Amino acid sequence: METREIIRVIGKLPVSKRMLIVERTLKTIRESETRKKMLKAANALLEDYKNDKELTIFAHLDYEVFYEAR
């Protein structure tokens, strides 16, 4: 479907449906941008985490079973 056709079809919808389309579109854009920023940050720190064992010192506890004290 071409952009013009999408806009034409959306223009025929009731306002509530058009607002829903706008809200969901903005949400997907925000999520996509957030994902890109997180990936960029993770890649920027990857070498640090590979080479600096102090940054991952507690990782060995990931598989330990912990019980809540009551």
C-alpha atoms as a PDB file:
ATOM      1  CA  MET A   1       0.000   0.000   0.000  1.00  0.00           C
ATOM      2  CA  GLU A   2       1.406   3.393  -0.972  1.00  0.00           C
ATOM      3  CA  THR A   3       1.712   6.253   1.509  1.00  0.00           C
ATOM      4  CA  ARG A   4      -0.916   8.349  -0.257  1.00  0.00           C
ATOM      5  CA  GLU A   5      -3.387   5.493  -0.153  1.00  0.00           C
ATOM      6  CA  ILE A   6      -2.713   4.884   3.534  1.00  0.00           C
ATOM      7  CA  ILE A   7      -3.284   8.561   4.310  1.00  0.00           C
ATOM      8  CA  ARG A   8      -6.470   8.592   2.231  1.00  0.00           C
ATOM      9  CA  VAL A   9      -7.848   5.530   4.018  1.00  0.00           C
ATOM     10  CA  ILE A  10      -6.879   6.890   7.448  1.00  0.00           C
ATOM     11  CA  GLY A  11      -8.595  10.172   6.600  1.00  0.00           C
ATOM     12  CA  LYS A  12     -11.884   8.309   6.156  1.00  0.00           C
ATOM     13  CA  LEU A  13     -11.739   6.767   9.629  1.00  0.00           C
ATOM     14  CA  PRO A  14     -13.448   8.252  12.681  1.00  0.00           C
ATOM     15  CA  VAL A  15     -11.300  10.531  14.812  1.00  0.00           C
ATOM     16  CA  SER A  16     -10.992   7.960  17.617  1.00  0.00           C
ATOM     17  CA  LYS A  17      -9.520   5.378  15.207  1.00  0.00           C
ATOM     18  CA  ARG A  18      -7.167   7.957  13.700  1.00  0.00           C
ATOM     19  CA  MET A  19      -5.956   8.936  17.168  1.00  0.00           C
ATOM     20  CA  LEU A  20      -5.343   5.266  17.964  1.00  0.00           C
ATOM     21  CA  ILE A  21      -3.251   4.935  14.795  1.00  0.00           C
ATOM     22  CA  VAL A  22      -1.225   8.015  15.725  1.00  0.00           C
ATOM     23  CA  GLU A  23      -0.670   6.801  19.296  1.00  0.00           C
ATOM     24  CA  ARG A  24       0.446   3.343  18.233  1.00  0.00           C
ATOM     25  CA  THR A  25       2.669   4.714  15.492  1.00  0.00           C
ATOM     26  CA  LEU A  26       4.392   7.067  17.940  1.00  0.00           C
ATOM     27  CA  LYS A  27       4.805   4.219  20.421  1.00  0.00           C
ATOM     28  CA  THR A  28       6.532   2.025  17.845  1.00  0.00           C
ATOM     29  CA  ILE A  29       8.799   4.904  16.826  1.00  0.00           C
ATOM     30  CA  ARG A  30       9.767   5.543  20.467  1.00  0.00           C
ATOM     31  CA  GLU A  31      10.406   1.848  21.087  1.00  0.00           C
ATOM     32  CA  SER A  32      12.527   1.595  17.971  1.00  0.00           C
ATOM     33  CA  GLU A  33      14.589   4.640  18.924  1.00  0.00           C
ATOM     34  CA  THR A  34      15.027   3.371  22.485  1.00  0.00           C
ATOM     35  CA  ARG A  35      16.165  -0.021  21.171  1.00  0.00           C
ATOM     36  CA  LYS A  36      18.691   1.669  18.866  1.00  0.00           C
ATOM     37  CA  LYS A  37      20.077   3.790  21.712  1.00  0.00           C
ATOM     38  CA  MET A  38      20.371   0.777  24.013  1.00  0.00           C
ATOM     39  CA  LEU A  39      22.157  -1.255  21.351  1.00  0.00           C
ATOM     40  CA  LYS A  40      24.564   1.602  20.688  1.00  0.00           C
ATOM     41  CA  ALA A  41      25.295   1.965  24.413  1.00  0.00           C
ATOM     42  CA  ALA A  42      25.792  -1.783  24.843  1.00  0.00           C
ATOM     43  CA  ASN A  43      28.196  -1.903  21.907  1.00  0.00           C
ATOM     44  CA  ALA A  44      30.115   1.081  23.273  1.00  0.00           C
ATOM     45  CA  LEU A  45      30.654  -0.720  26.597  1.00  0.00           C
ATOM     46  CA  LEU A  46      31.255  -4.214  25.247  1.00  0.00           C
ATOM     47  CA  GLU A  47      35.048  -3.997  25.256  1.00  0.00           C
ATOM     48  CA  ASP A  48      35.058  -2.608  28.801  1.00  0.00           C
ATOM     49  CA  TYR A  49      33.019  -5.566  30.029  1.00  0.00           C
ATOM     50  CA  LYS A  50      35.209  -8.028  28.153  1.00  0.00           C
ATOM     51  CA  ASN A  51      38.449  -6.608  29.566  1.00  0.00           C
ATOM     52  CA  ASP A  52      37.589  -5.287  33.042  1.00  0.00           C
ATOM     53  CA  LYS A  53      36.671  -8.196  35.324  1.00  0.00           C
ATOM     54  CA  GLU A  54      35.592  -5.797  38.093  1.00  0.00           C
ATOM     55  CA  LEU A  55      32.584  -4.856  35.978  1.00  0.00           C
ATOM     56  CA  THR A  56      31.407  -8.463  35.927  1.00  0.00           C
ATOM     57  CA  ILE A  57      32.561  -9.574  39.372  1.00  0.00           C
ATOM     58  CA  PHE A  58      29.057 -10.457  40.547  1.00  0.00           C
ATOM     59  CA  ALA A  59      28.092 -12.318  37.375  1.00  0.00           C
ATOM     60  CA  HIS A  60      29.176 -15.625  38.895  1.00  0.00           C
ATOM     61  CA  LEU A  61      26.321 -15.199  41.399  1.00  0.00           C
ATOM     62  CA  ASP A  62      23.726 -15.251  38.622  1.00  0.00           C
ATOM     63  CA  TYR A  63      23.199 -18.980  38.997  1.00  0.00           C
ATOM     64  CA  GLU A  64      23.242 -19.083  42.800  1.00  0.00           C
ATOM     65  CA  VAL A  65      20.009 -19.918  44.573  1.00  0.00           C
ATOM     66  CA  PHE A  66      19.039 -17.229  47.047  1.00  0.00           C
ATOM     67  CA  TYR A  67      16.399 -17.533  49.705  1.00  0.00           C
ATOM     68  CA  GLU A  68      14.592 -14.606  51.192  1.00  0.00           C
ATOM     69  CA  ALA A  69      15.173 -14.182  54.917  1.00  0.00           C
ATOM     70  CA  ARG A  70      11.930 -14.051  56.874  1.00  0.00           C
END
